[in-house]
Amino acid sequence: MELNPNLFTSATKLVIDNFEGGYYHPQMYRDGRLNPNTKSYNFMRNSGETMFGLDRHAGHSLYYSSPRKSSDVWTNLNYIPTYTYKNNDSKDFWTYLDNVNAKDNWEWNEKGGTGGEKLKVLASKILFPQFEIYVRDNKWSDKAKQIVFSDAKLLFHFIYAIWNGPGFFAKWSKKLNTDVANNLSNAQILQNQLNLRSISASGTDLSAGKMAKLFNNENFSIDIKNLEKKSSFFLPIFLILGGLIYLTTKK
């Protein structure tokens, strides 16, 4: 069973709207646009240029076919123009930010202005192949795919797991496969996933509490059936702001 790309895009836009931050560039750390009196100041100090949690430095291999020339964020900024993009979606995403000179013109956490929706769609297209790789590598059964792809809450959780990293995705997939094999209900599977998310990282619950609150809101929905037919979707009428979680290869 394959996941409909239109469904993935709509669900990913929902993840971005509720859990991901906006724009950051390392220059902001030095020129005062990132307030040194905030938690974000220390949190972002080793980050590369980032939009919607996609880090141009840490997630280099997701966007470029040529290897990264430096592990140092500041040194690598000089090499970015020399790298070859892996696909047009990555090129369009980062070139848009380059063309509007976001690094000089935008404030911290800018969401893209008139180009925000376009950037969210491009981010979704960038992440879709990675999601398929994670699903394949973690050997989801056809039944597991059917359950997740038809359950808005489970789909949201696993799409957000791309940002959390392959180690977490693998851990949660192992539990998913076990629970599906044991014929647990969707509600039980979801609760087990949220429980695992809540204890997965030291000092943070990886937004498990925030996610549970989102899921309990009566306005949360992804119109999966109609998306399969019409590519339409419903967004929630509320917004929950979340911290930036990097797309990295760290476990």
C-alpha atoms as a PDB file:
ATOM      1  CA  MET A   1       0.000   0.000   0.000  1.00  0.00           C
ATOM      2  CA  GLU A   2       1.373   3.392  -1.003  1.00  0.00           C
ATOM      3  CA  LEU A   3       0.724   6.745   0.657  1.00  0.00           C
ATOM      4  CA  ASN A   4      -1.015   9.337  -1.502  1.00  0.00           C
ATOM      5  CA  PRO A   5       1.456  12.258  -2.010  1.00  0.00           C
ATOM      6  CA  ASN A   6      -1.423  14.755  -1.775  1.00  0.00           C
ATOM      7  CA  LEU A   7      -2.379  13.360   1.610  1.00  0.00           C
ATOM      8  CA  PHE A   8       1.228  13.524   2.762  1.00  0.00           C
ATOM      9  CA  THR A   9       1.536  17.155   1.650  1.00  0.00           C
ATOM     10  CA  SER A  10      -1.621  18.223   3.442  1.00  0.00           C
ATOM     11  CA  ALA A  11      -0.702  16.362   6.619  1.00  0.00           C
ATOM     12  CA  THR A  12       2.838  17.736   6.547  1.00  0.00           C
ATOM     13  CA  LYS A  13       1.546  21.301   6.170  1.00  0.00           C
ATOM     14  CA  LEU A  14      -0.541  20.641   9.268  1.00  0.00           C
ATOM     15  CA  VAL A  15       2.557  19.455  11.138  1.00  0.00           C
ATOM     16  CA  ILE A  16       4.474  22.578  10.091  1.00  0.00           C
ATOM     17  CA  ASP A  17       1.633  24.905  11.087  1.00  0.00           C
ATOM     18  CA  ASN A  18       1.350  23.384  14.540  1.00  0.00           C
ATOM     19  CA  PHE A  19       4.851  22.254  15.472  1.00  0.00           C
ATOM     20  CA  GLU A  20       7.527  23.947  13.403  1.00  0.00           C
ATOM     21  CA  GLY A  21       9.053  27.406  13.575  1.00  0.00           C
ATOM     22  CA  GLY A  22      10.012  29.753  10.780  1.00  0.00           C
ATOM     23  CA  TYR A  23      13.248  31.153   9.433  1.00  0.00           C
ATOM     24  CA  TYR A  24      16.659  31.349  11.039  1.00  0.00           C
ATOM     25  CA  HIS A  25      20.093  32.191   9.667  1.00  0.00           C
ATOM     26  CA  PRO A  26      23.368  32.065  11.638  1.00  0.00           C
ATOM     27  CA  GLN A  27      23.859  35.774  10.967  1.00  0.00           C
ATOM     28  CA  MET A  28      20.916  36.430  13.277  1.00  0.00           C
ATOM     29  CA  TYR A  29      22.971  35.018  16.129  1.00  0.00           C
ATOM     30  CA  ARG A  30      25.568  37.746  15.670  1.00  0.00           C
ATOM     31  CA  ASP A  31      23.635  40.769  14.429  1.00  0.00           C
ATOM     32  CA  GLY A  32      21.054  40.974  17.212  1.00  0.00           C
ATOM     33  CA  ARG A  33      17.988  39.687  15.385  1.00  0.00           C
ATOM     34  CA  LEU A  34      18.022  36.697  17.737  1.00  0.00           C
ATOM     35  CA  ASN A  35      17.504  38.046  21.239  1.00  0.00           C
ATOM     36  CA  PRO A  36      20.314  36.831  23.545  1.00  0.00           C
ATOM     37  CA  ASN A  37      17.893  36.885  26.475  1.00  0.00           C
ATOM     38  CA  THR A  38      15.730  34.099  25.064  1.00  0.00           C
ATOM     39  CA  LYS A  39      16.027  30.317  25.223  1.00  0.00           C
ATOM     40  CA  SER A  40      16.320  30.256  21.442  1.00  0.00           C
ATOM     41  CA  TYR A  41      19.657  32.075  21.601  1.00  0.00           C
ATOM     42  CA  ASN A  42      21.547  29.114  23.036  1.00  0.00           C
ATOM     43  CA  PHE A  43      19.327  26.582  21.302  1.00  0.00           C
ATOM     44  CA  MET A  44      20.170  27.916  17.835  1.00  0.00           C
ATOM     45  CA  ARG A  45      23.866  28.645  18.267  1.00  0.00           C
ATOM     46  CA  ASN A  46      25.031  25.589  16.278  1.00  0.00           C
ATOM     47  CA  SER A  47      22.247  25.621  13.697  1.00  0.00           C
ATOM     48  CA  GLY A  48      22.588  26.264  10.016  1.00  0.00           C
ATOM     49  CA  GLU A  49      20.138  28.222   7.900  1.00  0.00           C
ATOM     50  CA  THR A  50      16.767  26.765   8.848  1.00  0.00           C
ATOM     51  CA  MET A  51      13.173  26.997   7.621  1.00  0.00           C
ATOM     52  CA  PHE A  52      10.281  24.999   9.071  1.00  0.00           C
ATOM     53  CA  GLY A  53      12.817  22.882  10.952  1.00  0.00           C
ATOM     54  CA  LEU A  54      14.711  21.945   7.783  1.00  0.00           C
ATOM     55  CA  ASP A  55      18.352  22.743   8.483  1.00  0.00           C
ATOM     56  CA  ARG A  56      20.412  23.497   5.380  1.00  0.00           C
ATOM     57  CA  HIS A  57      23.601  22.484   7.205  1.00  0.00           C
ATOM     58  CA  ALA A  58      22.599  19.497   9.365  1.00  0.00           C
ATOM     59  CA  GLY A  59      20.260  18.087   6.710  1.00  0.00           C
ATOM     60  CA  HIS A  60      22.726  18.649   3.859  1.00  0.00           C
ATOM     61  CA  SER A  61      22.372  15.202   2.276  1.00  0.00           C
ATOM     62  CA  LEU A  62      18.617  15.672   2.018  1.00  0.00           C
ATOM     63  CA  TYR A  63      19.032  18.603  -0.368  1.00  0.00           C
ATOM     64  CA  TYR A  64      22.386  18.135  -2.097  1.00  0.00           C
ATOM     65  CA  SER A  65      24.001  15.345  -4.088  1.00  0.00           C
ATOM     66  CA  SER A  66      27.504  16.724  -3.511  1.00  0.00           C
ATOM     67  CA  PRO A  67      29.119  16.037  -0.123  1.00  0.00           C
ATOM     68  CA  ARG A  68      29.323  18.724   2.530  1.00  0.00           C
ATOM     69  CA  LYS A  69      32.787  20.291   2.621  1.00  0.00           C
ATOM     70  CA  SER A  70      32.830  21.390   6.242  1.00  0.00           C
ATOM     71  CA  SER A  71      31.158  20.261   9.460  1.00  0.00           C
ATOM     72  CA  ASP A  72      31.478  23.788  10.849  1.00  0.00           C
ATOM     73  CA  VAL A  73      28.310  25.854  10.322  1.00  0.00           C
ATOM     74  CA  TRP A  74      30.083  29.125   9.666  1.00  0.00           C
ATOM     75  CA  THR A  75      32.753  27.689   7.355  1.00  0.00           C
ATOM     76  CA  ASN A  76      30.154  25.758   5.400  1.00  0.00           C
ATOM     77  CA  LEU A  77      28.197  28.945   4.610  1.00  0.00           C
ATOM     78  CA  ASN A  78      30.975  29.826   2.160  1.00  0.00           C
ATOM     79  CA  TYR A  79      30.537  26.548   0.292  1.00  0.00           C
ATOM     80  CA  ILE A  80      26.759  26.520  -0.124  1.00  0.00           C
ATOM     81  CA  PRO A  81      26.815  28.182  -3.591  1.00  0.00           C
ATOM     82  CA  THR A  82      29.104  25.395  -4.849  1.00  0.00           C
ATOM     83  CA  TYR A  83      26.829  22.468  -3.957  1.00  0.00           C
ATOM     84  CA  THR A  84      24.676  20.566  -6.456  1.00  0.00           C
ATOM     85  CA  TYR A  85      21.009  20.153  -5.569  1.00  0.00           C
ATOM     86  CA  LYS A  86      19.607  16.649  -5.374  1.00  0.00           C
ATOM     87  CA  ASN A  87      16.242  17.550  -6.889  1.00  0.00           C
ATOM     88  CA  ASN A  88      14.164  20.498  -8.109  1.00  0.00           C
ATOM     89  CA  ASP A  89      12.083  20.682  -4.936  1.00  0.00           C
ATOM     90  CA  SER A  90      15.178  21.272  -2.816  1.00  0.00           C
ATOM     91  CA  LYS A  91      16.495  23.751  -5.365  1.00  0.00           C
ATOM     92  CA  ASP A  92      13.233  25.692  -5.463  1.00  0.00           C
ATOM     93  CA  PHE A  93      12.952  25.727  -1.660  1.00  0.00           C
ATOM     94  CA  TRP A  94      16.402  27.100  -0.881  1.00  0.00           C
ATOM     95  CA  THR A  95      16.694  29.245  -4.015  1.00  0.00           C
ATOM     96  CA  TYR A  96      13.507  31.047  -3.027  1.00  0.00           C
ATOM     97  CA  LEU A  97      15.105  32.003   0.297  1.00  0.00           C
ATOM     98  CA  ASP A  98      18.285  33.063  -1.497  1.00  0.00           C
ATOM     99  CA  ASN A  99      16.409  35.162  -4.046  1.00  0.00           C
ATOM    100  CA  VAL A 100      14.474  37.140  -1.430  1.00  0.00           C
ATOM    101  CA  ASN A 101      17.749  37.540   0.512  1.00  0.00           C
ATOM    102  CA  ALA A 102      16.073  36.127   3.598  1.00  0.00           C
ATOM    103  CA  LYS A 103      19.346  36.018   5.507  1.00  0.00           C
ATOM    104  CA  ASP A 104      19.490  39.825   5.484  1.00  0.00           C
ATOM    105  CA  ASN A 105      15.851  40.874   5.117  1.00  0.00           C
ATOM    106  CA  TRP A 106      13.853  38.516   7.326  1.00  0.00           C
ATOM    107  CA  GLU A 107      13.411  38.547  11.059  1.00  0.00           C
ATOM    108  CA  TRP A 108      13.792  35.538  13.330  1.00  0.00           C
ATOM    109  CA  ASN A 109      10.929  33.050  12.899  1.00  0.00           C
ATOM    110  CA  GLU A 110       9.563  34.664   9.714  1.00  0.00           C
ATOM    111  CA  LYS A 111       7.071  32.200   8.172  1.00  0.00           C
ATOM    112  CA  GLY A 112       7.613  33.132   4.537  1.00  0.00           C
ATOM    113  CA  GLY A 113       5.073  35.889   3.960  1.00  0.00           C
ATOM    114  CA  THR A 114       3.333  35.543   0.603  1.00  0.00           C
ATOM    115  CA  GLY A 115       5.625  32.631  -0.218  1.00  0.00           C
ATOM    116  CA  GLY A 116       4.829  30.694   2.946  1.00  0.00           C
ATOM    117  CA  GLU A 117       2.340  28.279   1.394  1.00  0.00           C
ATOM    118  CA  LYS A 118       4.653  27.574  -1.526  1.00  0.00           C
ATOM    119  CA  LEU A 119       7.519  26.858   0.862  1.00  0.00           C
ATOM    120  CA  LYS A 120       5.373  24.479   2.923  1.00  0.00           C
ATOM    121  CA  VAL A 121       4.407  22.513  -0.179  1.00  0.00           C
ATOM    122  CA  LEU A 122       8.059  22.326  -1.257  1.00  0.00           C
ATOM    123  CA  ALA A 123       9.097  21.214   2.233  1.00  0.00           C
ATOM    124  CA  SER A 124       6.492  18.445   2.050  1.00  0.00           C
ATOM    125  CA  LYS A 125       7.793  17.304  -1.327  1.00  0.00           C
ATOM    126  CA  ILE A 126      11.343  17.250   0.005  1.00  0.00           C
ATOM    127  CA  LEU A 127      10.323  15.088   2.958  1.00  0.00           C
ATOM    128  CA  PHE A 128       8.044  12.639   1.154  1.00  0.00           C
ATOM    129  CA  PRO A 129      10.849  10.438  -0.284  1.00  0.00           C
ATOM    130  CA  GLN A 130      12.505  10.381   3.145  1.00  0.00           C
ATOM    131  CA  PHE A 131       9.275   9.206   4.741  1.00  0.00           C
ATOM    132  CA  GLU A 132       8.981   6.408   2.176  1.00  0.00           C
ATOM    133  CA  ILE A 133      12.573   5.351   2.902  1.00  0.00           C
ATOM    134  CA  TYR A 134      11.922   5.250   6.638  1.00  0.00           C
ATOM    135  CA  VAL A 135       8.760   3.181   6.142  1.00  0.00           C
ATOM    136  CA  ARG A 136      10.599   0.772   3.856  1.00  0.00           C
ATOM    137  CA  ASP A 137      13.675   0.447   6.062  1.00  0.00           C
ATOM    138  CA  ASN A 138      11.540  -0.235   9.120  1.00  0.00           C
ATOM    139  CA  LYS A 139       9.596  -2.929   7.289  1.00  0.00           C
ATOM    140  CA  TRP A 140       6.070  -1.726   7.906  1.00  0.00           C
ATOM    141  CA  SER A 141       3.588  -4.446   7.059  1.00  0.00           C
ATOM    142  CA  ASP A 142       0.790  -3.712   4.606  1.00  0.00           C
ATOM    143  CA  LYS A 143      -1.598  -3.738   7.534  1.00  0.00           C
ATOM    144  CA  ALA A 144       0.545  -1.211   9.443  1.00  0.00           C
ATOM    145  CA  LYS A 145       0.594   1.054   6.392  1.00  0.00           C
ATOM    146  CA  GLN A 146      -3.150   0.773   5.978  1.00  0.00           C
ATOM    147  CA  ILE A 147      -3.727   1.705   9.612  1.00  0.00           C
ATOM    148  CA  VAL A 148      -1.350   4.678   9.708  1.00  0.00           C
ATOM    149  CA  PHE A 149      -2.252   6.030   6.281  1.00  0.00           C
ATOM    150  CA  SER A 150      -5.948   6.002   7.166  1.00  0.00           C
ATOM    151  CA  ASP A 151      -5.627   7.409  10.693  1.00  0.00           C
ATOM    152  CA  ALA A 152      -5.036  11.176  10.844  1.00  0.00           C
ATOM    153  CA  LYS A 153      -3.450  11.120  14.300  1.00  0.00           C
ATOM    154  CA  LEU A 154      -1.051   8.270  13.649  1.00  0.00           C
ATOM    155  CA  LEU A 155      -0.086   9.757  10.293  1.00  0.00           C
ATOM    156  CA  PHE A 156       0.597  13.140  11.916  1.00  0.00           C
ATOM    157  CA  HIS A 157       2.745  11.485  14.596  1.00  0.00           C
ATOM    158  CA  PHE A 158       4.872   9.547  12.115  1.00  0.00           C
ATOM    159  CA  ILE A 159       5.311  12.469   9.735  1.00  0.00           C
ATOM    160  CA  TYR A 160       6.554  14.567  12.628  1.00  0.00           C
ATOM    161  CA  ALA A 161       8.897  11.686  13.457  1.00  0.00           C
ATOM    162  CA  ILE A 162      10.861  12.563  10.304  1.00  0.00           C
ATOM    163  CA  TRP A 163      11.992  15.734  12.074  1.00  0.00           C
ATOM    164  CA  ASN A 164      12.771  13.765  15.227  1.00  0.00           C
ATOM    165  CA  GLY A 165      15.204  11.550  13.334  1.00  0.00           C
ATOM    166  CA  PRO A 166      15.669   7.981  12.054  1.00  0.00           C
ATOM    167  CA  GLY A 167      16.477   6.536  15.459  1.00  0.00           C
ATOM    168  CA  PHE A 168      13.164   7.640  16.937  1.00  0.00           C
ATOM    169  CA  PHE A 169      11.289   6.662  13.788  1.00  0.00           C
ATOM    170  CA  ALA A 170      12.794   3.171  14.020  1.00  0.00           C
ATOM    171  CA  LYS A 171      11.973   2.803  17.718  1.00  0.00           C
ATOM    172  CA  TRP A 172       8.374   3.853  17.236  1.00  0.00           C
ATOM    173  CA  SER A 173       8.031   1.709  14.099  1.00  0.00           C
ATOM    174  CA  LYS A 174       9.135  -1.379  16.015  1.00  0.00           C
ATOM    175  CA  LYS A 175       6.342  -0.803  18.519  1.00  0.00           C
ATOM    176  CA  LEU A 176       3.875  -0.109  15.705  1.00  0.00           C
ATOM    177  CA  ASN A 177       4.678  -3.394  13.978  1.00  0.00           C
ATOM    178  CA  THR A 178       4.313  -5.300  17.230  1.00  0.00           C
ATOM    179  CA  ASP A 179       1.002  -3.681  18.125  1.00  0.00           C
ATOM    180  CA  VAL A 180      -0.410  -4.213  14.635  1.00  0.00           C
ATOM    181  CA  ALA A 181       0.615  -7.876  14.734  1.00  0.00           C
ATOM    182  CA  ASN A 182      -1.173  -8.183  18.082  1.00  0.00           C
ATOM    183  CA  ASN A 183      -4.346  -6.686  16.598  1.00  0.00           C
ATOM    184  CA  LEU A 184      -4.496  -3.702  18.933  1.00  0.00           C
ATOM    185  CA  SER A 185      -7.056  -1.029  18.165  1.00  0.00           C
ATOM    186  CA  ASN A 186      -6.012   2.254  16.545  1.00  0.00           C
ATOM    187  CA  ALA A 187      -6.661   4.047  19.829  1.00  0.00           C
ATOM    188  CA  GLN A 188      -4.383   1.647  21.720  1.00  0.00           C
ATOM    189  CA  ILE A 189      -1.684   1.924  19.076  1.00  0.00           C
ATOM    190  CA  LEU A 190      -1.815   5.717  19.236  1.00  0.00           C
ATOM    191  CA  GLN A 191      -1.643   5.786  23.022  1.00  0.00           C
ATOM    192  CA  ASN A 192       1.380   3.495  22.992  1.00  0.00           C
ATOM    193  CA  GLN A 193       3.062   5.754  20.417  1.00  0.00           C
ATOM    194  CA  LEU A 194       2.434   8.857  22.515  1.00  0.00           C
ATOM    195  CA  ASN A 195       3.731   7.058  25.598  1.00  0.00           C
ATOM    196  CA  LEU A 196       6.939   6.159  23.773  1.00  0.00           C
ATOM    197  CA  ARG A 197       7.286   9.698  22.433  1.00  0.00           C
ATOM    198  CA  SER A 198       6.955  11.082  25.959  1.00  0.00           C
ATOM    199  CA  ILE A 199       9.965   9.119  27.250  1.00  0.00           C
ATOM    200  CA  SER A 200      12.159   9.146  24.167  1.00  0.00           C
ATOM    201  CA  ALA A 201      14.551  11.994  24.947  1.00  0.00           C
ATOM    202  CA  SER A 202      16.232  13.351  28.042  1.00  0.00           C
ATOM    203  CA  GLY A 203      14.696  16.603  29.171  1.00  0.00           C
ATOM    204  CA  THR A 204      11.920  16.652  26.614  1.00  0.00           C
ATOM    205  CA  ASP A 205       8.829  14.659  25.742  1.00  0.00           C
ATOM    206  CA  LEU A 206       9.327  15.378  22.010  1.00  0.00           C
ATOM    207  CA  SER A 207       6.031  17.282  22.042  1.00  0.00           C
ATOM    208  CA  ALA A 208       3.995  14.268  23.184  1.00  0.00           C
ATOM    209  CA  GLY A 209       1.906  16.383  25.544  1.00  0.00           C
ATOM    210  CA  LYS A 210       1.347  19.067  22.947  1.00  0.00           C
ATOM    211  CA  MET A 211       0.428  16.429  20.385  1.00  0.00           C
ATOM    212  CA  ALA A 212      -2.094  14.786  22.718  1.00  0.00           C
ATOM    213  CA  LYS A 213      -3.684  18.195  23.326  1.00  0.00           C
ATOM    214  CA  LEU A 214      -3.884  18.792  19.585  1.00  0.00           C
ATOM    215  CA  PHE A 215      -5.484  15.402  18.974  1.00  0.00           C
ATOM    216  CA  ASN A 216      -8.060  15.979  21.706  1.00  0.00           C
ATOM    217  CA  ASN A 217      -9.285  19.179  20.099  1.00  0.00           C
ATOM    218  CA  GLU A 218     -12.558  18.525  18.315  1.00  0.00           C
ATOM    219  CA  ASN A 219     -11.437  20.609  15.331  1.00  0.00           C
ATOM    220  CA  PHE A 220      -8.414  18.426  14.546  1.00  0.00           C
ATOM    221  CA  SER A 221      -8.924  16.487  11.332  1.00  0.00           C
ATOM    222  CA  ILE A 222      -7.306  15.510   8.084  1.00  0.00           C
ATOM    223  CA  ASP A 223      -9.999  14.660   5.550  1.00  0.00           C
ATOM    224  CA  ILE A 224      -8.266  11.518   4.379  1.00  0.00           C
ATOM    225  CA  LYS A 225     -11.094  10.041   2.299  1.00  0.00           C
ATOM    226  CA  ASN A 226     -11.704  13.212   0.320  1.00  0.00           C
ATOM    227  CA  LEU A 227      -7.981  13.841  -0.072  1.00  0.00           C
ATOM    228  CA  GLU A 228      -7.688  10.530  -1.846  1.00  0.00           C
ATOM    229  CA  LYS A 229     -10.315  11.771  -4.296  1.00  0.00           C
ATOM    230  CA  LYS A 230     -10.051  15.560  -4.440  1.00  0.00           C
ATOM    231  CA  SER A 231      -6.750  16.548  -2.805  1.00  0.00           C
ATOM    232  CA  SER A 232      -8.638  18.755  -0.347  1.00  0.00           C
ATOM    233  CA  PHE A 233      -8.007  19.094   3.349  1.00  0.00           C
ATOM    234  CA  PHE A 234      -9.199  20.751   6.538  1.00  0.00           C
ATOM    235  CA  LEU A 235      -6.874  22.697   8.778  1.00  0.00           C
ATOM    236  CA  PRO A 236      -7.576  23.127  12.469  1.00  0.00           C
ATOM    237  CA  ILE A 237      -8.820  26.547  13.503  1.00  0.00           C
ATOM    238  CA  PHE A 238      -6.189  26.847  16.196  1.00  0.00           C
ATOM    239  CA  LEU A 239      -2.424  27.071  16.224  1.00  0.00           C
ATOM    240  CA  ILE A 240      -0.079  25.541  18.745  1.00  0.00           C
ATOM    241  CA  LEU A 241       3.389  27.005  18.549  1.00  0.00           C
ATOM    242  CA  GLY A 242       6.215  24.532  18.932  1.00  0.00           C
ATOM    243  CA  GLY A 243       9.973  24.612  19.155  1.00  0.00           C
ATOM    244  CA  LEU A 244      12.249  23.982  16.245  1.00  0.00           C
ATOM    245  CA  ILE A 245      13.326  20.374  15.855  1.00  0.00           C
ATOM    246  CA  TYR A 246      16.086  19.719  13.420  1.00  0.00           C
ATOM    247  CA  LEU A 247      16.044  17.205  10.647  1.00  0.00           C
ATOM    248  CA  THR A 248      19.313  15.416  11.314  1.00  0.00           C
ATOM    249  CA  THR A 249      20.758  11.961  10.926  1.00  0.00           C
ATOM    250  CA  LYS A 250      21.414  11.694  14.661  1.00  0.00           C
ATOM    251  CA  LYS A 251      19.680   9.037  16.691  1.00  0.00           C
END
